[in-house]
């Protein structure tokens, strides 16, 4: 269809004048063809149109076409697709005081625009693409105007621009409304697939008791793992990453990115190598300590780690805007199988991040902005985001050595508790792990204190400080196990 050159008001968004001699991308003939098809075969063409470009009338450039499209949708809501005909539509337009745009004669003329609706899918895609181009023009023009503002914040402008472009990219897949009859059918099938083990509720963490409570790391959810310093939250996060991404530990390995604001990529890699090979970094500092068997395990660990699709970003002091932009680019990059480059985002740790706010706003407001931004990232990409966080010093002030953390101990902001779907506290006695020999462990607990869509409870773990690994503890105490089975 040719692009219409008539000068008309811009369709939507932050409209800015087109350069001299140019008009907004649009095709009035294409719009008429789509509307005509919706009148000729409403039961097929109306759902086709709304599933392609949603229920947003701004897809149509012509104001009168927008009004007509809205009237069609209102009529469908009231009486269903079968009721859409010239008589009912004319009456609906009169009820909405829009009869001047399209009277019976104009509607009849529109009805006769196309002879067949066979090409409705391609017409709808073309109409959506023209709308996308107009939105891109609006976003680019608005960004350009902001760039001339002397008080402009460059980082914030880039984040806003990238978010706007990403939203435009995804908007073609969004629907304005969903009927509950369609939702319940889809969700019933989902639950049945879960029961039949055809799909996973979330990504299994490798800790069965935790997955039983949380359903694993679920798409669109923000999972906060919090602890005091030196308790092992980074070690546990790396253990989870290892369980998820290493082919020898997962039947269906996933892809992950680890944003480490505290450790270097080299430190993370060494820790993963030593854990995988059942070695300690200290072994490499003592001459002749390593035996041939140790070197063989280390070589095998290197081979296994090379197969993992794990990416490390060790940039210190990232802002939430920068992190979201980097994660978004990785997600939009396709792997060789055509799927997104990442299935999981891990961040170590939240309080080392920054947000583009002034010092006068306060640290609590800054952390709230970071927490909200990370939750929005999980929903936007529809993948799990595992965030490590520090606890405040109130727990250390408790006189009892076995004092356990609570939600109120989350450091610097209550917004973390509000935004998180799951909050888990890692707890153990730090002193018990001192000078433990190789192969010896100390008890630890993973306390699921908040779970928006599941149960709360405590997962018993064993911590092996020699190789910085957390393992699932037996559900039975040693006294309950028969001596013959020990």
Protein backbone atom coordinates (compact mmCIF):
# COMPACT_ATOMS: atom_id res chain seq x y z
CA UNK A 1 0.00 0.00 0.00
CA UNK A 2 1.33 3.49 -0.80
CA UNK A 3 2.13 5.86 2.02
CA UNK A 4 -0.46 8.62 2.30
CA UNK A 5 0.99 12.09 1.91
CA UNK A 6 -1.96 14.08 3.27
CA UNK A 7 -1.01 16.38 6.10
CA UNK A 8 -2.78 15.17 9.24
CA UNK A 9 -2.29 15.53 13.01
CA UNK A 10 0.34 13.19 14.46
CA UNK A 11 -1.13 9.97 15.79
CA UNK A 12 0.31 9.69 19.28
CA UNK A 13 3.18 10.17 21.67
CA UNK A 14 5.50 13.12 22.11
CA UNK A 15 4.78 14.51 18.70
CA UNK A 16 7.39 16.69 17.12
CA UNK A 17 7.29 18.28 13.69
CA UNK A 18 8.70 16.19 10.87
CA UNK A 19 11.64 17.63 8.93
CA UNK A 20 10.71 19.95 6.11
CA UNK A 21 9.21 18.12 3.15
CA UNK A 22 8.49 14.93 5.11
CA UNK A 23 5.33 13.51 6.65
CA UNK A 24 4.65 10.94 9.32
CA UNK A 25 4.72 7.33 8.03
CA UNK A 26 1.12 6.27 7.44
CA UNK A 27 -1.19 4.69 4.89
CA UNK A 28 -4.83 5.77 4.91
CA UNK A 29 -5.62 3.12 2.27
CA UNK A 30 -4.17 0.41 4.51
CA UNK A 31 -6.20 1.64 7.48
CA UNK A 32 -9.38 1.55 5.42
CA UNK A 33 -8.57 -1.96 4.24
CA UNK A 34 -8.18 -3.23 7.82
CA UNK A 35 -11.40 -1.53 8.99
CA UNK A 36 -13.26 -2.83 5.94
CA UNK A 37 -12.09 -6.39 6.66
CA UNK A 38 -13.24 -6.04 10.30
CA UNK A 39 -16.73 -5.14 9.02
CA UNK A 40 -16.84 -7.88 6.39
CA UNK A 41 -15.67 -10.75 8.62
CA UNK A 42 -15.79 -9.51 12.22
CA UNK A 43 -15.52 -12.91 13.92
CA UNK A 44 -12.14 -13.60 12.31
CA UNK A 45 -10.70 -10.19 11.46
CA UNK A 46 -11.34 -8.34 14.74
CA UNK A 47 -9.45 -10.92 16.88
CA UNK A 48 -6.72 -11.02 14.22
CA UNK A 49 -6.30 -7.25 14.39
CA UNK A 50 -6.30 -7.00 18.20
CA UNK A 51 -3.89 -9.92 18.55
CA UNK A 52 -1.50 -8.19 16.10
CA UNK A 53 -1.51 -4.61 17.35
CA UNK A 54 -3.65 -4.67 20.50
CA UNK A 55 -6.59 -2.42 21.26
CA UNK A 56 -4.73 0.88 21.06
CA UNK A 57 -6.54 3.18 18.60
CA UNK A 58 -3.32 5.15 18.04
CA UNK A 59 -2.30 2.44 15.57
CA UNK A 60 -4.52 4.35 13.15
CA UNK A 61 -3.12 7.66 11.93
CA UNK A 62 -6.46 9.15 10.88
CA UNK A 63 -8.46 10.55 13.86
CA UNK A 64 -11.74 9.38 12.30
CA UNK A 65 -10.32 5.88 11.86
CA UNK A 66 -9.31 5.85 15.51
CA UNK A 67 -12.84 6.75 16.56
CA UNK A 68 -14.29 4.05 14.35
CA UNK A 69 -11.89 1.41 15.71
CA UNK A 70 -12.83 2.36 19.28
CA UNK A 71 -16.52 2.09 18.42
CA UNK A 72 -15.93 -1.41 17.02
CA UNK A 73 -14.19 -2.51 20.22
CA UNK A 74 -16.96 -1.03 22.39
CA UNK A 75 -19.54 -2.88 20.34
CA UNK A 76 -17.59 -6.13 20.72
CA UNK A 77 -17.42 -5.64 24.50
CA UNK A 78 -21.17 -5.15 24.70
CA UNK A 79 -22.48 -7.72 22.22
CA UNK A 80 -19.57 -9.75 20.81
CA UNK A 81 -18.02 -9.92 17.33
CA UNK A 82 -21.19 -11.31 15.73
CA UNK A 83 -23.01 -8.04 16.43
CA UNK A 84 -20.57 -5.93 14.38
CA UNK A 85 -22.40 -4.81 11.24
CA UNK A 86 -23.17 -1.51 9.50
CA UNK A 87 -26.43 -0.89 11.37
CA UNK A 88 -25.12 -1.63 14.87
CA UNK A 89 -21.91 0.28 14.25
CA UNK A 90 -23.76 3.37 12.99
CA UNK A 91 -25.92 3.27 16.11
CA UNK A 92 -22.87 2.85 18.37
CA UNK A 93 -21.22 5.89 16.76
CA UNK A 94 -24.36 7.95 17.35
CA UNK A 95 -24.45 6.86 21.01
CA UNK A 96 -20.86 8.04 21.37
CA UNK A 97 -21.62 11.32 19.55
CA UNK A 98 -19.22 10.38 16.76
CA UNK A 99 -21.78 9.97 13.98
CA UNK A 100 -20.34 12.93 12.07
CA UNK A 101 -17.15 11.03 11.33
CA UNK A 102 -18.91 8.08 9.69
CA UNK A 103 -22.58 8.08 8.72
CA UNK A 104 -24.35 5.15 7.04
CA UNK A 105 -23.15 6.18 3.58
CA UNK A 106 -19.53 6.53 4.69
CA UNK A 107 -19.70 3.17 6.46
CA UNK A 108 -21.13 1.51 3.34
CA UNK A 109 -18.33 3.04 1.28
CA UNK A 110 -15.77 1.76 3.79
CA UNK A 111 -17.35 -1.72 3.71
CA UNK A 112 -16.83 -1.84 -0.07
CA UNK A 113 -13.13 -0.90 0.18
CA UNK A 114 -11.92 -4.51 -0.10
CA UNK A 115 -13.42 -7.48 -1.89
CA UNK A 116 -11.68 -10.13 0.24
CA UNK A 117 -10.21 -10.38 3.73
CA UNK A 118 -7.62 -13.01 2.76
CA UNK A 119 -4.68 -10.65 3.43
CA UNK A 120 -5.85 -9.30 6.81
CA UNK A 121 -2.80 -10.66 8.69
CA UNK A 122 -0.26 -8.90 6.46
CA UNK A 123 -2.31 -5.68 6.48
CA UNK A 124 -2.36 -5.66 10.29
CA UNK A 125 1.39 -6.27 10.49
CA UNK A 126 2.06 -3.40 8.06
CA UNK A 127 -0.25 -1.10 10.04
CA UNK A 128 1.56 -2.01 13.27
CA UNK A 129 4.93 -1.35 11.65
CA UNK A 130 3.88 2.13 10.50
CA UNK A 131 2.70 2.89 14.03
CA UNK A 132 6.05 1.68 15.37
CA UNK A 133 7.90 4.06 13.03
CA UNK A 134 5.76 6.98 14.23
CA UNK A 135 6.46 6.10 17.85
CA UNK A 136 10.19 5.90 17.12
CA UNK A 137 10.07 9.36 15.53
CA UNK A 138 8.32 10.70 18.62
CA UNK A 139 10.82 9.12 21.04
CA UNK A 140 13.84 10.31 19.02
CA UNK A 141 12.50 13.85 18.71
CA UNK A 142 11.68 14.07 22.40
CA UNK A 143 15.15 12.74 23.33
CA UNK A 144 16.75 15.23 20.99
CA UNK A 145 14.92 18.11 22.66
CA UNK A 146 16.02 16.93 26.12
CA UNK A 147 19.65 16.76 24.96
CA UNK A 148 19.64 20.54 24.55
CA UNK A 149 18.55 21.05 28.17
CA UNK A 150 21.53 22.47 30.15
CA UNK A 151 20.41 20.49 33.22
CA UNK A 152 20.11 17.20 31.34
CA UNK A 153 21.46 14.08 33.05
CA UNK A 154 23.18 12.02 30.34
CA UNK A 155 22.91 8.66 32.10
CA UNK A 156 19.23 9.16 32.85
CA UNK A 157 18.53 10.27 29.27
CA UNK A 158 20.21 7.14 27.88
CA UNK A 159 18.25 4.91 30.27
CA UNK A 160 14.94 6.60 29.37
CA UNK A 161 15.72 6.35 25.66
CA UNK A 162 16.70 2.67 25.84
CA UNK A 163 13.62 1.87 27.95
CA UNK A 164 11.37 3.66 25.46
CA UNK A 165 12.93 1.85 22.50
CA UNK A 166 12.65 -1.50 24.29
CA UNK A 167 8.99 -0.82 25.10
CA UNK A 168 8.31 0.03 21.47
CA UNK A 169 10.01 -3.18 20.42
CA UNK A 170 7.84 -5.24 22.76
CA UNK A 171 4.59 -3.31 22.32
CA UNK A 172 3.63 -5.23 19.21
CA UNK A 173 3.22 -8.33 21.36
CA UNK A 174 1.03 -6.68 23.99
CA UNK A 175 -2.76 -6.76 24.17
CA UNK A 176 -4.93 -4.06 25.61
CA UNK A 177 -7.28 -6.46 27.36
CA UNK A 178 -7.74 -10.18 27.88
CA UNK A 179 -10.97 -12.10 28.36
CA UNK A 180 -10.97 -14.30 31.47
CA UNK A 181 -12.26 -17.23 29.40
CA UNK A 182 -9.02 -17.11 27.39
CA UNK A 183 -6.85 -16.67 30.49
CA UNK A 184 -8.38 -19.57 32.38
CA UNK A 185 -7.93 -21.91 29.44
CA UNK A 186 -4.26 -20.98 29.18
CA UNK A 187 -3.63 -21.27 32.92
CA UNK A 188 -5.43 -24.61 33.17
CA UNK A 189 -3.13 -25.95 30.46
CA UNK A 190 -0.11 -24.51 32.33
CA UNK A 191 -1.11 -26.18 35.61
CA UNK A 192 -1.76 -29.46 33.83
CA UNK A 193 1.68 -29.27 32.19
CA UNK A 194 3.24 -28.70 35.63
CA UNK A 195 1.42 -31.74 37.03
CA UNK A 196 2.58 -33.86 34.12
CA UNK A 197 6.20 -32.60 34.53
CA UNK A 198 6.20 -31.22 30.99
CA UNK A 199 7.34 -27.79 32.18
CA UNK A 200 9.09 -26.38 35.26
CA UNK A 201 7.46 -23.84 37.56
CA UNK A 202 10.81 -22.09 37.90
CA UNK A 203 14.50 -22.75 37.33
CA UNK A 204 15.57 -25.42 39.86
CA UNK A 205 18.23 -24.00 42.20
CA UNK A 206 19.80 -27.39 42.92
CA UNK A 207 18.50 -27.27 46.51
CA UNK A 208 15.38 -29.45 46.52
CA UNK A 209 14.00 -28.21 49.86
CA UNK A 210 14.27 -24.59 48.77
CA UNK A 211 12.63 -25.35 45.43
CA UNK A 212 9.81 -27.15 47.25
CA UNK A 213 9.01 -23.91 49.12
CA UNK A 214 9.62 -21.39 46.34
CA UNK A 215 9.00 -23.35 43.14
CA UNK A 216 12.56 -22.52 42.07
CA UNK A 217 13.66 -19.20 40.61
CA UNK A 218 10.52 -18.09 38.79
CA UNK A 219 10.27 -15.87 35.72
CA UNK A 220 9.45 -12.25 36.46
CA UNK A 221 10.28 -12.56 40.16
CA UNK A 222 12.88 -10.79 42.27
CA UNK A 223 14.56 -13.19 44.73
CA UNK A 224 16.54 -11.45 47.51
CA UNK A 225 19.24 -13.44 49.33
CA UNK A 226 20.43 -11.51 52.37
CA UNK A 227 23.04 -12.08 55.08
CA UNK A 228 25.63 -10.34 57.22
CA UNK A 229 29.18 -10.05 55.75
CA UNK A 230 31.28 -13.24 55.58
CA UNK A 231 28.31 -15.57 56.10
CA UNK A 232 28.53 -16.85 52.54
CA UNK A 233 25.85 -15.19 50.40
CA UNK A 234 28.24 -14.87 47.43
CA UNK A 235 29.28 -18.51 47.86
CA UNK A 236 25.65 -19.65 47.92
CA UNK A 237 24.83 -17.52 44.88
CA UNK A 238 27.75 -19.07 42.97
CA UNK A 239 26.64 -22.54 44.10
CA UNK A 240 23.17 -21.83 42.68
CA UNK A 241 24.67 -20.50 39.44
CA UNK A 242 26.84 -23.63 39.22
CA UNK A 243 23.83 -25.89 39.78
CA UNK A 244 21.89 -24.06 37.06
CA UNK A 245 24.50 -23.52 34.34
CA UNK A 246 26.97 -26.42 34.59
CA UNK A 247 26.00 -29.31 32.27
CA UNK A 248 27.19 -31.96 34.74
CA UNK A 249 24.92 -30.55 37.49
CA UNK A 250 21.74 -29.82 35.56
CA UNK A 251 19.90 -31.96 32.99
CA UNK A 252 18.69 -28.75 31.35
CA UNK A 253 21.46 -26.16 31.83
CA UNK A 254 20.41 -22.51 31.72
CA UNK A 255 22.24 -19.31 30.81
CA UNK A 256 23.08 -16.67 33.44
CA UNK A 257 24.84 -13.35 33.87
CA UNK A 258 26.54 -12.51 37.17
CA UNK A 259 26.94 -8.80 37.92
CA UNK A 260 29.69 -8.72 40.54
CA UNK A 261 30.16 -5.28 42.07
CA UNK A 262 32.45 -6.65 44.78
CA UNK A 263 34.72 -9.33 43.26
CA UNK A 264 36.73 -9.42 40.05
CA UNK A 265 36.02 -11.85 37.22
CA UNK A 266 39.28 -13.63 38.07
CA UNK A 267 38.29 -14.15 41.71
CA UNK A 268 34.88 -15.51 40.72
CA UNK A 269 36.39 -17.89 38.18
CA UNK A 270 38.99 -19.17 40.70
CA UNK A 271 36.29 -19.79 43.27
CA UNK A 272 34.14 -21.73 40.79
CA UNK A 273 37.16 -23.77 39.71
CA UNK A 274 38.14 -24.68 43.27
CA UNK A 275 34.59 -25.56 44.31
CA UNK A 276 34.13 -27.73 41.22
CA UNK A 277 37.49 -29.48 41.79
CA UNK A 278 36.99 -29.87 45.59
CA UNK A 279 40.06 -27.76 46.30
CA UNK A 280 40.90 -24.71 48.37
CA UNK A 281 42.62 -21.62 47.02
CA UNK A 282 45.06 -22.02 49.90
CA UNK A 283 46.26 -25.31 48.40
CA UNK A 284 47.95 -23.40 45.59
CA UNK A 285 49.99 -21.28 47.98
CA UNK A 286 51.75 -24.25 49.61
CA UNK A 287 54.44 -25.95 47.57
CA UNK A 288 53.93 -29.65 46.78
CA UNK A 289 50.54 -29.79 48.52
CA UNK A 290 48.64 -30.70 45.35
CA UNK A 291 48.82 -34.31 44.21
CA UNK A 292 48.31 -35.76 40.75
CA UNK A 293 44.67 -36.56 41.58
CA UNK A 294 44.08 -32.91 42.53
CA UNK A 295 45.52 -31.68 39.22
CA UNK A 296 43.33 -34.19 37.36
CA UNK A 297 40.20 -32.86 39.12
CA UNK A 298 41.23 -29.29 38.37
CA UNK A 299 41.69 -30.13 34.68
CA UNK A 300 38.26 -31.78 34.60
CA UNK A 301 36.76 -28.71 36.32
CA UNK A 302 38.23 -26.45 33.63
CA UNK A 303 36.69 -28.63 30.95
CA UNK A 304 33.27 -28.53 32.64
CA UNK A 305 33.27 -24.78 33.30
CA UNK A 306 34.11 -24.06 29.67
CA UNK A 307 30.80 -25.66 28.68
CA UNK A 308 28.73 -23.39 30.93
CA UNK A 309 26.93 -20.40 29.41
CA UNK A 310 27.80 -18.06 32.23
CA UNK A 311 28.74 -14.40 31.75
CA UNK A 312 30.44 -12.20 34.33
CA UNK A 313 30.24 -8.41 34.48
CA UNK A 314 32.65 -7.19 37.19
CA UNK A 315 32.05 -3.45 36.66
CA UNK A 316 32.13 -1.74 40.09
CA UNK A 317 29.70 1.00 41.10
CA UNK A 318 27.05 0.27 38.45
CA UNK A 319 23.93 2.40 38.51
CA UNK A 320 20.60 0.64 38.24
CA UNK A 321 20.10 2.33 34.87
CA UNK A 322 23.40 0.98 33.53
CA UNK A 323 22.73 -2.52 34.84
CA UNK A 324 19.24 -2.60 33.32
CA UNK A 325 20.60 -1.41 29.99
CA UNK A 326 23.33 -4.09 29.96
CA UNK A 327 20.94 -6.86 30.98
CA UNK A 328 18.39 -5.73 28.41
CA UNK A 329 20.99 -5.82 25.61
CA UNK A 330 22.09 -9.32 26.63
CA UNK A 331 18.50 -10.54 26.74
CA UNK A 332 17.77 -9.11 23.29
CA UNK A 333 20.89 -10.84 21.88
CA UNK A 334 19.92 -14.27 20.57
CA UNK A 335 21.87 -17.47 21.26
CA UNK A 336 22.66 -19.93 18.47
CA UNK A 337 19.35 -21.70 19.16
CA UNK A 338 17.40 -18.47 18.72
CA UNK A 339 16.57 -18.06 22.44
CA UNK A 340 17.67 -15.08 24.57
CA UNK A 341 21.30 -15.01 25.67
CA UNK A 342 20.36 -15.18 29.38
CA UNK A 343 17.76 -17.00 31.50
CA UNK A 344 18.83 -15.63 34.90
CA UNK A 345 20.35 -12.42 36.31
CA UNK A 346 22.38 -12.48 39.56
CA UNK A 347 23.55 -9.28 41.27
CA UNK A 348 26.18 -9.15 44.05
CA UNK A 349 25.13 -7.00 45.80
CA UNK A 350 22.33 -4.40 45.95
CA UNK A 351 23.85 -1.92 48.40
CA UNK A 352 26.93 -1.48 46.19
CA UNK A 353 24.75 -0.11 43.40
CA UNK A 354 23.79 3.51 42.83
CA UNK A 355 20.88 5.39 41.31
CA UNK A 356 20.79 8.72 39.51
CA UNK A 357 19.49 10.75 42.44
CA UNK A 358 20.88 13.74 44.29
CA UNK A 359 22.49 13.37 47.71
CA UNK A 360 19.62 15.40 49.15
CA UNK A 361 17.20 12.59 48.32
CA UNK A 362 18.88 10.34 50.88
CA UNK A 363 20.29 6.85 50.73
CA UNK A 364 16.97 5.18 51.60
CA UNK A 365 15.29 6.77 48.58
CA UNK A 366 18.24 5.75 46.42
CA UNK A 367 18.02 2.11 47.57
CA UNK A 368 14.26 2.20 47.00
CA UNK A 369 14.86 3.36 43.43
CA UNK A 370 17.44 0.58 42.90
CA UNK A 371 15.13 -2.08 44.34
CA UNK A 372 12.19 -0.88 42.25
CA UNK A 373 14.36 -0.81 39.14
CA UNK A 374 15.51 -4.40 39.64
CA UNK A 375 11.94 -5.60 40.20
CA UNK A 376 10.88 -3.78 37.03
CA UNK A 377 13.75 -5.48 35.16
CA UNK A 378 12.52 -8.94 36.24
CA UNK A 379 8.99 -8.16 35.02
CA UNK A 380 10.19 -6.47 31.83
CA UNK A 381 12.37 -9.38 30.69
CA UNK A 382 10.17 -12.02 32.38
CA UNK A 383 13.17 -13.86 33.84
CA UNK A 384 14.24 -14.35 37.49
CA UNK A 385 16.54 -11.80 39.12
CA UNK A 386 18.53 -13.04 42.13
CA UNK A 387 19.74 -10.09 44.21
CA UNK A 388 22.17 -10.35 47.10
CA UNK A 389 21.76 -7.84 49.94
CA UNK A 390 23.40 -6.89 53.22
CA UNK A 391 21.69 -6.94 56.60
CA UNK A 392 22.06 -4.04 59.01
CA UNK A 393 24.00 -4.28 62.28
CA UNK A 394 20.93 -4.62 64.50
CA UNK A 395 21.20 -8.40 64.37
CA UNK A 396 24.78 -8.22 65.72
CA UNK A 397 23.59 -6.15 68.68
CA UNK A 398 21.38 -9.00 69.87
CA UNK A 399 22.91 -10.68 72.89
CA UNK A 400 21.85 -14.17 71.84
CA UNK A 401 24.47 -15.89 69.67
CA UNK A 402 21.75 -17.85 67.83
CA UNK A 403 19.70 -14.75 66.93
CA UNK A 404 18.18 -15.14 63.48
CA UNK A 405 17.63 -12.37 60.94
CA UNK A 406 14.23 -10.81 60.26
CA UNK A 407 12.78 -8.68 57.46
CA UNK A 408 13.39 -5.56 59.57
CA UNK A 409 17.15 -6.28 59.39
CA UNK A 410 17.33 -5.56 55.64
CA UNK A 411 19.81 -2.73 55.36
CA UNK A 412 18.94 0.83 54.33
CA UNK A 413 15.42 0.46 52.98
CA UNK A 414 12.08 -1.25 53.59
CA UNK A 415 11.50 -1.01 49.84
CA UNK A 416 13.60 -4.17 49.34
CA UNK A 417 11.10 -6.14 51.42
CA UNK A 418 8.17 -4.61 49.51
CA UNK A 419 9.58 -5.16 46.01
CA UNK A 420 10.94 -8.67 46.50
CA UNK A 421 8.79 -11.68 45.67
CA UNK A 422 11.00 -13.93 47.82
CA UNK A 423 13.29 -12.90 50.69
CA UNK A 424 15.68 -15.54 52.05
CA UNK A 425 18.18 -15.10 54.88
CA UNK A 426 21.38 -17.13 55.06
CA UNK A 427 22.26 -17.82 58.68
CA UNK A 428 25.07 -19.72 60.41
CA UNK A 429 27.52 -19.40 63.28
CA UNK A 430 30.57 -17.73 61.73
CA UNK A 431 32.95 -18.97 64.43
CA UNK A 432 32.12 -22.65 63.86
CA UNK A 433 33.69 -22.55 60.38
CA UNK A 434 37.13 -21.47 61.63
CA UNK A 435 40.00 -23.92 61.05
CA UNK A 436 37.72 -26.77 59.97
CA UNK A 437 39.74 -29.50 58.21
CA UNK A 438 39.04 -30.63 54.67
CA UNK A 439 35.78 -32.55 54.35
CA UNK A 440 34.30 -31.11 57.56
CA UNK A 441 31.20 -28.92 57.51
CA UNK A 442 29.20 -26.64 59.75
CA UNK A 443 25.43 -26.24 59.92
CA UNK A 444 23.70 -23.40 58.11
CA UNK A 445 20.10 -22.35 57.50
CA UNK A 446 18.37 -20.70 54.58
CA UNK A 447 15.33 -18.99 56.08
CA UNK A 448 12.58 -18.19 53.55
CA UNK A 449 11.01 -15.27 55.41
CA UNK A 450 8.84 -13.89 52.60
CA UNK A 451 7.32 -15.79 49.67
CA UNK A 452 4.66 -13.90 47.77
CA UNK A 453 3.48 -16.95 45.82
CA UNK A 454 4.31 -19.85 48.10
CA UNK A 455 5.27 -21.13 51.53
CA UNK A 456 7.80 -19.83 54.03
CA UNK A 457 10.09 -22.07 56.04
CA UNK A 458 13.67 -23.06 56.79
CA UNK A 459 16.03 -25.08 54.59
CA UNK A 460 18.84 -26.90 56.42
CA UNK A 461 22.24 -26.71 54.74
CA UNK A 462 25.81 -27.78 55.40
CA UNK A 463 28.64 -25.34 54.69
CA UNK A 464 32.04 -26.70 53.66
CA UNK A 465 34.42 -23.74 54.14
CA UNK A 466 37.35 -25.63 52.56
CA UNK A 467 35.75 -25.41 49.13
CA UNK A 468 33.17 -22.63 49.90
CA UNK A 469 30.21 -24.85 49.07
CA UNK A 470 26.75 -25.17 50.58
CA UNK A 471 25.15 -28.61 50.33
CA UNK A 472 21.69 -29.82 51.29
CA UNK A 473 21.63 -31.31 54.77
CA UNK A 474 19.98 -34.61 55.49
CA UNK A 475 16.37 -34.19 56.63
CA UNK A 476 17.23 -36.45 59.60
CA UNK A 477 19.62 -35.75 62.44
CA UNK A 478 22.57 -38.10 62.94
CA UNK A 479 20.92 -39.54 66.07
CA UNK A 480 17.92 -40.65 64.00
CA UNK A 481 20.03 -42.55 61.48
CA UNK A 482 20.67 -46.22 62.38
CA UNK A 483 24.32 -46.91 63.18
CA UNK A 484 24.44 -49.56 60.46
CA UNK A 485 23.52 -46.94 57.86
CA UNK A 486 26.03 -44.30 58.91
